[in-house]
Amino acid sequence: MKLRILGSAGAEFPDFRPPAFLIDDQMLLDAGTIGAVLTEDEQWDLQHILVTHSHLDHIRGIPNLADNIIIKNLSHNVKVYASEDVIDAMRSHLFNNVIWPDFTKIPNPEAPVLTFQAIEPRTYHRIGGYDVCAIPVNHTVPAVGYLVRRNGVSLAYTGDTGSTEEFWNYASGVDALIVEVSFPNQMEQLALLTRHLTSSLLGIELAKMPVLPKRILITHPKPQYVATIKAEVESLGIPEIEMLHDGARFEF
């Protein structure tokens, strides 16, 4: 399984892009960044997008991807998977023909650019050759993390979450875990309020897993605090942990 980091920041600044993780050139975990990184041909290779929740920094690449496809006059469909709540939010507040055209009906309802597909939590779905399971996590809006498996390799992604429980049962012992740490320890109260993690809170969460993942990849830091968060994460003394950066590539 190949993993390419299109974006891994908790805000947008020069050289810091919103979250998007490309698996084997065809499947995206979240879609905060697409067209700012991928070439035309790379965009046409996208087939599936797994969305964790409806916050703009995790879905904002989808509208422009759809526009790029229709402008190119391609007969291409991208399936967007999310919980019912997230799909309802995207239909009502984004693809509503006010903020952006409804690309689930363009160029026509029978062959649209985008198809929304509700994904049932806690159930494995076969998507593009992968076994995918959505697991509820604890955020300020309805949100899930994902477990993606193929050919004996497993990747877990929390999306945005505060303290949670169920997800760690699925993530225990995976080949790679992408987990958020948004704030430095000094901002713990803000992290708790907004249901995000600090490095100290991450340590508490990781202790809930019977077996640590082989690699723990930290995403979603606020750019202004990247150096501080990196030092605090390293101070946990867990050798499997490393900070992600945009443009990084992995193979598991």
C-alpha atoms as a PDB file:
ATOM      1  CA  MET A   1       0.000   0.000   0.000  1.00  0.00           C
ATOM      2  CA  LYS A   2       1.399   3.395  -1.030  1.00  0.00           C
ATOM      3  CA  LEU A   3       0.551   6.553   0.892  1.00  0.00           C
ATOM      4  CA  ARG A   4       1.137  10.087  -0.355  1.00  0.00           C
ATOM      5  CA  ILE A   5       0.589  13.079   1.918  1.00  0.00           C
ATOM      6  CA  LEU A   6      -1.117  15.831  -0.094  1.00  0.00           C
ATOM      7  CA  GLY A   7      -1.818  17.910   3.007  1.00  0.00           C
ATOM      8  CA  SER A   8      -1.438  17.341   6.745  1.00  0.00           C
ATOM      9  CA  ALA A   9      -1.893  20.665   8.512  1.00  0.00           C
ATOM     10  CA  GLY A  10      -4.570  21.925  10.852  1.00  0.00           C
ATOM     11  CA  ALA A  11      -4.794  25.260   9.025  1.00  0.00           C
ATOM     12  CA  GLU A  12      -3.692  26.810   5.759  1.00  0.00           C
ATOM     13  CA  PHE A  13      -0.459  28.778   5.602  1.00  0.00           C
ATOM     14  CA  PRO A  14       2.314  28.943   2.991  1.00  0.00           C
ATOM     15  CA  ASP A  15       3.733  25.395   2.746  1.00  0.00           C
ATOM     16  CA  PHE A  16       0.954  24.030   4.966  1.00  0.00           C
ATOM     17  CA  ARG A  17      -2.073  22.439   3.311  1.00  0.00           C
ATOM     18  CA  PRO A  18      -5.329  20.969   4.713  1.00  0.00           C
ATOM     19  CA  PRO A  19      -5.592  17.206   5.225  1.00  0.00           C
ATOM     20  CA  ALA A  20      -5.690  14.750   2.323  1.00  0.00           C
ATOM     21  CA  PHE A  21      -4.015  11.348   2.169  1.00  0.00           C
ATOM     22  CA  LEU A  22      -3.741   9.550  -1.163  1.00  0.00           C
ATOM     23  CA  ILE A  23      -3.699   5.743  -1.151  1.00  0.00           C
ATOM     24  CA  ASP A  24      -2.286   3.953  -4.208  1.00  0.00           C
ATOM     25  CA  ASP A  25      -3.046   6.980  -6.421  1.00  0.00           C
ATOM     26  CA  GLN A  26      -6.770   6.215  -6.438  1.00  0.00           C
ATOM     27  CA  MET A  27      -8.332   6.640  -2.999  1.00  0.00           C
ATOM     28  CA  LEU A  28      -8.345   9.727  -0.776  1.00  0.00           C
ATOM     29  CA  LEU A  29      -8.735   9.888   2.971  1.00  0.00           C
ATOM     30  CA  ASP A  30     -10.309  13.338   3.337  1.00  0.00           C
ATOM     31  CA  ALA A  31     -10.076  15.971   0.648  1.00  0.00           C
ATOM     32  CA  GLY A  32      -8.781  19.234   2.012  1.00  0.00           C
ATOM     33  CA  THR A  33      -6.156  19.357  -0.740  1.00  0.00           C
ATOM     34  CA  ILE A  34      -6.477  18.010  -4.286  1.00  0.00           C
ATOM     35  CA  GLY A  35      -5.966  20.373  -7.208  1.00  0.00           C
ATOM     36  CA  ALA A  36      -3.222  22.369  -5.514  1.00  0.00           C
ATOM     37  CA  VAL A  37      -0.973  19.292  -5.635  1.00  0.00           C
ATOM     38  CA  LEU A  38      -2.220  16.719  -8.134  1.00  0.00           C
ATOM     39  CA  THR A  39      -1.695  17.112 -11.862  1.00  0.00           C
ATOM     40  CA  GLU A  40      -4.624  16.796 -14.239  1.00  0.00           C
ATOM     41  CA  ASP A  41      -3.857  13.160 -14.980  1.00  0.00           C
ATOM     42  CA  GLU A  42      -3.424  12.389 -11.271  1.00  0.00           C
ATOM     43  CA  GLN A  43      -6.812  13.949 -10.560  1.00  0.00           C
ATOM     44  CA  TRP A  44      -8.439  11.773 -13.226  1.00  0.00           C
ATOM     45  CA  ASP A  45      -7.036   8.688 -11.470  1.00  0.00           C
ATOM     46  CA  LEU A  46      -9.067   9.437  -8.342  1.00  0.00           C
ATOM     47  CA  GLN A  47     -11.952   7.037  -7.898  1.00  0.00           C
ATOM     48  CA  HIS A  48     -12.924   7.088  -4.220  1.00  0.00           C
ATOM     49  CA  ILE A  49     -12.917   9.706  -1.446  1.00  0.00           C
ATOM     50  CA  LEU A  50     -13.512   8.740   2.185  1.00  0.00           C
ATOM     51  CA  VAL A  51     -14.663  11.786   4.162  1.00  0.00           C
ATOM     52  CA  THR A  52     -14.373  11.801   7.950  1.00  0.00           C
ATOM     53  CA  HIS A  53     -16.560  14.814   8.711  1.00  0.00           C
ATOM     54  CA  SER A  54     -18.066  17.928   7.188  1.00  0.00           C
ATOM     55  CA  HIS A  55     -15.636  20.651   8.290  1.00  0.00           C
ATOM     56  CA  LEU A  56     -14.439  22.693   5.348  1.00  0.00           C
ATOM     57  CA  ASP A  57     -10.745  21.888   5.666  1.00  0.00           C
ATOM     58  CA  HIS A  58     -11.559  18.203   5.084  1.00  0.00           C
ATOM     59  CA  ILE A  59     -13.886  18.562   2.078  1.00  0.00           C
ATOM     60  CA  ARG A  60     -12.862  21.750   0.295  1.00  0.00           C
ATOM     61  CA  GLY A  61     -10.930  20.032  -2.503  1.00  0.00           C
ATOM     62  CA  ILE A  62     -13.990  18.140  -3.768  1.00  0.00           C
ATOM     63  CA  PRO A  63     -15.860  21.055  -5.420  1.00  0.00           C
ATOM     64  CA  ASN A  64     -12.873  22.087  -7.513  1.00  0.00           C
ATOM     65  CA  LEU A  65     -12.114  18.479  -8.442  1.00  0.00           C
ATOM     66  CA  ALA A  66     -15.654  18.138  -9.780  1.00  0.00           C
ATOM     67  CA  ASP A  67     -15.306  21.409 -11.685  1.00  0.00           C
ATOM     68  CA  ASN A  68     -11.992  20.290 -13.187  1.00  0.00           C
ATOM     69  CA  ILE A  69     -13.557  17.047 -14.402  1.00  0.00           C
ATOM     70  CA  ILE A  70     -16.531  18.726 -16.055  1.00  0.00           C
ATOM     71  CA  ILE A  71     -14.387  21.429 -17.669  1.00  0.00           C
ATOM     72  CA  LYS A  72     -12.158  18.706 -19.131  1.00  0.00           C
ATOM     73  CA  ASN A  73     -15.341  17.101 -20.506  1.00  0.00           C
ATOM     74  CA  LEU A  74     -14.381  13.757 -19.040  1.00  0.00           C
ATOM     75  CA  SER A  75     -16.795  10.910 -18.557  1.00  0.00           C
ATOM     76  CA  HIS A  76     -15.545  10.249 -15.051  1.00  0.00           C
ATOM     77  CA  ASN A  77     -17.289   9.563 -11.769  1.00  0.00           C
ATOM     78  CA  VAL A  78     -15.802   9.911  -8.283  1.00  0.00           C
ATOM     79  CA  LYS A  79     -17.574   8.191  -5.414  1.00  0.00           C
ATOM     80  CA  VAL A  80     -17.595  10.113  -2.137  1.00  0.00           C
ATOM     81  CA  TYR A  81     -18.164   7.955   0.950  1.00  0.00           C
ATOM     82  CA  ALA A  82     -19.263   9.379   4.283  1.00  0.00           C
ATOM     83  CA  SER A  83     -21.815   8.942   7.030  1.00  0.00           C
ATOM     84  CA  GLU A  84     -25.410   9.981   6.374  1.00  0.00           C
ATOM     85  CA  ASP A  85     -24.932  13.093   8.545  1.00  0.00           C
ATOM     86  CA  VAL A  86     -21.908  14.235   6.559  1.00  0.00           C
ATOM     87  CA  ILE A  87     -23.587  13.607   3.208  1.00  0.00           C
ATOM     88  CA  ASP A  88     -26.614  15.597   4.355  1.00  0.00           C
ATOM     89  CA  ALA A  89     -24.332  18.461   5.385  1.00  0.00           C
ATOM     90  CA  MET A  90     -22.512  18.483   2.036  1.00  0.00           C
ATOM     91  CA  ARG A  91     -25.789  18.413   0.110  1.00  0.00           C
ATOM     92  CA  SER A  92     -27.396  21.154   2.212  1.00  0.00           C
ATOM     93  CA  HIS A  93     -24.478  23.524   2.682  1.00  0.00           C
ATOM     94  CA  LEU A  94     -22.041  22.983  -0.175  1.00  0.00           C
ATOM     95  CA  PHE A  95     -23.417  21.218  -3.267  1.00  0.00           C
ATOM     96  CA  ASN A  96     -26.693  23.113  -3.022  1.00  0.00           C
ATOM     97  CA  ASN A  97     -26.593  25.192  -6.238  1.00  0.00           C
ATOM     98  CA  VAL A  98     -25.951  28.268  -4.101  1.00  0.00           C
ATOM     99  CA  ILE A  99     -22.459  27.825  -2.671  1.00  0.00           C
ATOM    100  CA  TRP A 100     -21.518  25.385  -5.461  1.00  0.00           C
ATOM    101  CA  PRO A 101     -23.321  23.504  -8.244  1.00  0.00           C
ATOM    102  CA  ASP A 102     -24.797  20.124  -7.388  1.00  0.00           C
ATOM    103  CA  PHE A 103     -22.329  17.891  -9.191  1.00  0.00           C
ATOM    104  CA  THR A 104     -24.295  14.801  -8.193  1.00  0.00           C
ATOM    105  CA  LYS A 105     -26.625  15.826 -11.060  1.00  0.00           C
ATOM    106  CA  ILE A 106     -24.079  17.227 -13.531  1.00  0.00           C
ATOM    107  CA  PRO A 107     -23.775  16.621 -16.433  1.00  0.00           C
ATOM    108  CA  ASN A 108     -26.913  14.563 -15.771  1.00  0.00           C
ATOM    109  CA  PRO A 109     -28.376  12.563 -12.880  1.00  0.00           C
ATOM    110  CA  GLU A 110     -27.741   9.270 -14.679  1.00  0.00           C
ATOM    111  CA  ALA A 111     -24.009   9.885 -15.149  1.00  0.00           C
ATOM    112  CA  PRO A 112     -22.902  12.522 -12.623  1.00  0.00           C
ATOM    113  CA  VAL A 113     -19.380  13.653 -11.813  1.00  0.00           C
ATOM    114  CA  LEU A 114     -19.897  12.867  -8.114  1.00  0.00           C
ATOM    115  CA  THR A 115     -21.829  10.119  -6.383  1.00  0.00           C
ATOM    116  CA  PHE A 116     -22.433  10.263  -2.634  1.00  0.00           C
ATOM    117  CA  GLN A 117     -22.477   6.890  -0.936  1.00  0.00           C
ATOM    118  CA  ALA A 118     -23.465   6.520   2.713  1.00  0.00           C
ATOM    119  CA  ILE A 119     -21.141   4.218   4.611  1.00  0.00           C
ATOM    120  CA  GLU A 120     -22.532   2.280   7.549  1.00  0.00           C
ATOM    121  CA  PRO A 121     -20.276   2.567  10.611  1.00  0.00           C
ATOM    122  CA  ARG A 122     -18.721  -0.544  12.160  1.00  0.00           C
ATOM    123  CA  THR A 123     -19.310  -2.540   8.969  1.00  0.00           C
ATOM    124  CA  TYR A 124     -16.637  -3.545   6.479  1.00  0.00           C
ATOM    125  CA  HIS A 125     -17.319  -2.371   2.937  1.00  0.00           C
ATOM    126  CA  ARG A 126     -15.493  -3.497  -0.192  1.00  0.00           C
ATOM    127  CA  ILE A 127     -14.424  -0.304  -1.978  1.00  0.00           C
ATOM    128  CA  GLY A 128     -12.115  -0.426  -4.976  1.00  0.00           C
ATOM    129  CA  GLY A 129     -10.364  -3.567  -3.808  1.00  0.00           C
ATOM    130  CA  TYR A 130      -9.987  -2.339  -0.212  1.00  0.00           C
ATOM    131  CA  ASP A 131     -11.815  -3.408   2.928  1.00  0.00           C
ATOM    132  CA  VAL A 132     -12.967  -0.184   4.586  1.00  0.00           C
ATOM    133  CA  CYS A 133     -14.583   0.303   7.963  1.00  0.00           C
ATOM    134  CA  ALA A 134     -15.832   3.623   9.385  1.00  0.00           C
ATOM    135  CA  ILE A 135     -15.639   3.979  13.160  1.00  0.00           C
ATOM    136  CA  PRO A 136     -17.298   6.848  15.080  1.00  0.00           C
ATOM    137  CA  VAL A 137     -14.940   9.264  16.852  1.00  0.00           C
ATOM    138  CA  ASN A 138     -15.490  12.227  19.170  1.00  0.00           C
ATOM    139  CA  HIS A 139     -15.601  15.607  17.447  1.00  0.00           C
ATOM    140  CA  THR A 140     -17.807  18.704  17.485  1.00  0.00           C
ATOM    141  CA  VAL A 141     -19.780  17.439  14.469  1.00  0.00           C
ATOM    142  CA  PRO A 142     -20.622  13.861  13.498  1.00  0.00           C
ATOM    143  CA  ALA A 143     -17.309  12.258  12.548  1.00  0.00           C
ATOM    144  CA  VAL A 144     -15.720   8.909  11.843  1.00  0.00           C
ATOM    145  CA  GLY A 145     -12.234   7.550  11.453  1.00  0.00           C
ATOM    146  CA  TYR A 146     -11.389   4.865   8.921  1.00  0.00           C
ATOM    147  CA  LEU A 147      -9.631   1.526   8.840  1.00  0.00           C
ATOM    148  CA  VAL A 148      -8.436   0.574   5.349  1.00  0.00           C
ATOM    149  CA  ARG A 149      -7.051  -2.905   4.617  1.00  0.00           C
ATOM    150  CA  ARG A 150      -5.636  -4.539   1.511  1.00  0.00           C
ATOM    151  CA  ASN A 151      -3.341  -7.503   0.916  1.00  0.00           C
ATOM    152  CA  GLY A 152      -2.611  -7.902   4.605  1.00  0.00           C
ATOM    153  CA  VAL A 153      -1.698  -4.226   5.130  1.00  0.00           C
ATOM    154  CA  SER A 154      -3.832  -2.059   7.420  1.00  0.00           C
ATOM    155  CA  LEU A 155      -3.977   1.731   7.745  1.00  0.00           C
ATOM    156  CA  ALA A 156      -6.053   3.584  10.339  1.00  0.00           C
ATOM    157  CA  TYR A 157      -6.932   7.302  10.258  1.00  0.00           C
ATOM    158  CA  THR A 158      -8.651   9.148  13.080  1.00  0.00           C
ATOM    159  CA  GLY A 159      -9.670  12.279  11.227  1.00  0.00           C
ATOM    160  CA  ASP A 160     -10.355  14.991  13.805  1.00  0.00           C
ATOM    161  CA  THR A 161     -11.083  13.659  17.269  1.00  0.00           C
ATOM    162  CA  GLY A 162     -10.852  14.334  20.941  1.00  0.00           C
ATOM    163  CA  SER A 163     -10.745  11.593  23.528  1.00  0.00           C
ATOM    164  CA  THR A 164     -12.420   8.526  22.058  1.00  0.00           C
ATOM    165  CA  GLU A 165     -12.730   4.809  22.821  1.00  0.00           C
ATOM    166  CA  GLU A 166     -14.091   2.527  20.132  1.00  0.00           C
ATOM    167  CA  PHE A 167     -11.671   3.564  17.413  1.00  0.00           C
ATOM    168  CA  TRP A 168      -8.654   2.217  19.291  1.00  0.00           C
ATOM    169  CA  ASN A 169     -10.001  -1.318  19.223  1.00  0.00           C
ATOM    170  CA  TYR A 170      -9.823  -1.202  15.431  1.00  0.00           C
ATOM    171  CA  ALA A 171      -6.469   0.601  15.262  1.00  0.00           C
ATOM    172  CA  SER A 172      -4.598  -1.683  17.648  1.00  0.00           C
ATOM    173  CA  GLY A 173      -1.553  -3.195  15.940  1.00  0.00           C
ATOM    174  CA  VAL A 174      -2.156  -1.722  12.477  1.00  0.00           C
ATOM    175  CA  ASP A 175       0.749  -1.153  10.102  1.00  0.00           C
ATOM    176  CA  ALA A 176       0.237   2.619  10.216  1.00  0.00           C
ATOM    177  CA  LEU A 177      -1.919   5.039  12.182  1.00  0.00           C
ATOM    178  CA  ILE A 178      -2.548   8.612  11.055  1.00  0.00           C
ATOM    179  CA  VAL A 179      -3.654  10.495  14.160  1.00  0.00           C
ATOM    180  CA  GLU A 180      -4.233  14.150  14.839  1.00  0.00           C
ATOM    181  CA  VAL A 181      -2.429  16.399  17.304  1.00  0.00           C
ATOM    182  CA  SER A 182      -3.787  19.886  16.702  1.00  0.00           C
ATOM    183  CA  PHE A 183      -2.554  21.938  19.652  1.00  0.00           C
ATOM    184  CA  PRO A 184       0.455  22.252  21.974  1.00  0.00           C
ATOM    185  CA  ASN A 185       0.013  21.113  25.553  1.00  0.00           C
ATOM    186  CA  GLN A 186      -0.362  24.677  26.800  1.00  0.00           C
ATOM    187  CA  MET A 187      -3.620  24.921  24.808  1.00  0.00           C
ATOM    188  CA  GLU A 188      -5.215  21.830  26.321  1.00  0.00           C
ATOM    189  CA  GLN A 189      -8.390  23.640  27.337  1.00  0.00           C
ATOM    190  CA  LEU A 190      -8.971  24.779  23.756  1.00  0.00           C
ATOM    191  CA  ALA A 191      -8.262  21.244  22.555  1.00  0.00           C
ATOM    192  CA  LEU A 192     -10.832  19.833  24.968  1.00  0.00           C
ATOM    193  CA  LEU A 193     -13.388  22.468  23.971  1.00  0.00           C
ATOM    194  CA  THR A 194     -12.956  21.821  20.246  1.00  0.00           C
ATOM    195  CA  ARG A 195     -12.447  18.055  20.655  1.00  0.00           C
ATOM    196  CA  HIS A 196      -8.929  17.824  19.338  1.00  0.00           C
ATOM    197  CA  LEU A 197      -5.747  16.360  20.823  1.00  0.00           C
ATOM    198  CA  THR A 198      -2.492  17.654  22.259  1.00  0.00           C
ATOM    199  CA  SER A 199       0.562  15.419  22.541  1.00  0.00           C
ATOM    200  CA  SER A 200      -0.211  14.747  26.217  1.00  0.00           C
ATOM    201  CA  LEU A 201      -3.787  13.824  25.360  1.00  0.00           C
ATOM    202  CA  LEU A 202      -2.465  11.644  22.539  1.00  0.00           C
ATOM    203  CA  GLY A 203      -0.361   9.719  25.035  1.00  0.00           C
ATOM    204  CA  ILE A 204      -3.522   8.936  27.007  1.00  0.00           C
ATOM    205  CA  GLU A 205      -5.298   7.778  23.850  1.00  0.00           C
ATOM    206  CA  LEU A 206      -2.469   5.546  22.631  1.00  0.00           C
ATOM    207  CA  ALA A 207      -2.381   3.814  26.001  1.00  0.00           C
ATOM    208  CA  LYS A 208      -5.897   2.535  25.280  1.00  0.00           C
ATOM    209  CA  MET A 209      -4.595   0.227  22.523  1.00  0.00           C
ATOM    210  CA  PRO A 210      -3.470  -3.289  23.458  1.00  0.00           C
ATOM    211  CA  VAL A 211      -0.813  -3.138  20.726  1.00  0.00           C
ATOM    212  CA  LEU A 212       0.703   0.059  19.330  1.00  0.00           C
ATOM    213  CA  PRO A 213       0.689   0.528  15.538  1.00  0.00           C
ATOM    214  CA  LYS A 214       3.971  -0.143  13.769  1.00  0.00           C
ATOM    215  CA  ARG A 215       4.090   3.509  12.672  1.00  0.00           C
ATOM    216  CA  ILE A 216       2.248   6.464  14.194  1.00  0.00           C
ATOM    217  CA  LEU A 217       2.013   9.445  11.847  1.00  0.00           C
ATOM    218  CA  ILE A 218       1.023  12.781  13.374  1.00  0.00           C
ATOM    219  CA  THR A 219      -1.247  15.069  11.352  1.00  0.00           C
ATOM    220  CA  HIS A 220      -3.295  18.270  11.745  1.00  0.00           C
ATOM    221  CA  PRO A 221      -0.916  20.459  13.814  1.00  0.00           C
ATOM    222  CA  LYS A 222      -1.620  24.172  13.762  1.00  0.00           C
ATOM    223  CA  PRO A 223       1.213  25.623  11.635  1.00  0.00           C
ATOM    224  CA  GLN A 224       2.078  28.274  14.213  1.00  0.00           C
ATOM    225  CA  TYR A 225       2.915  25.542  16.743  1.00  0.00           C
ATOM    226  CA  VAL A 226       4.506  22.837  14.603  1.00  0.00           C
ATOM    227  CA  ALA A 227       7.928  23.045  16.267  1.00  0.00           C
ATOM    228  CA  THR A 228       6.432  22.955  19.752  1.00  0.00           C
ATOM    229  CA  ILE A 229       4.108  20.072  18.908  1.00  0.00           C
ATOM    230  CA  LYS A 230       6.966  18.136  17.321  1.00  0.00           C
ATOM    231  CA  ALA A 231       9.086  18.499  20.465  1.00  0.00           C
ATOM    232  CA  GLU A 232       6.191  17.518  22.721  1.00  0.00           C
ATOM    233  CA  VAL A 233       5.329  14.495  20.596  1.00  0.00           C
ATOM    234  CA  GLU A 234       8.961  13.358  20.675  1.00  0.00           C
ATOM    235  CA  SER A 235       8.993  13.780  24.454  1.00  0.00           C
ATOM    236  CA  LEU A 236       6.426  10.978  24.706  1.00  0.00           C
ATOM    237  CA  GLY A 237       9.334   8.628  24.052  1.00  0.00           C
ATOM    238  CA  ILE A 238       7.424   6.401  21.641  1.00  0.00           C
ATOM    239  CA  PRO A 239       9.804   5.395  18.828  1.00  0.00           C
ATOM    240  CA  GLU A 240       6.986   4.569  16.398  1.00  0.00           C
ATOM    241  CA  ILE A 241       5.886   8.248  16.229  1.00  0.00           C
ATOM    242  CA  GLU A 242       6.828  10.729  13.526  1.00  0.00           C
ATOM    243  CA  MET A 243       5.435  14.045  12.340  1.00  0.00           C
ATOM    244  CA  LEU A 244       3.968  14.116   8.856  1.00  0.00           C
ATOM    245  CA  HIS A 245       4.828  16.806   6.333  1.00  0.00           C
ATOM    246  CA  ASP A 246       3.155  17.676   3.054  1.00  0.00           C
ATOM    247  CA  GLY A 247       4.631  15.784   0.157  1.00  0.00           C
ATOM    248  CA  ALA A 248       5.855  12.820   2.202  1.00  0.00           C
ATOM    249  CA  ARG A 249       5.477   9.344   0.714  1.00  0.00           C
ATOM    250  CA  PHE A 250       5.322   5.954   2.390  1.00  0.00           C
ATOM    251  CA  GLU A 251       4.998   2.346   1.356  1.00  0.00           C
ATOM    252  CA  PHE A 252       3.653  -0.284   3.721  1.00  0.00           C
END
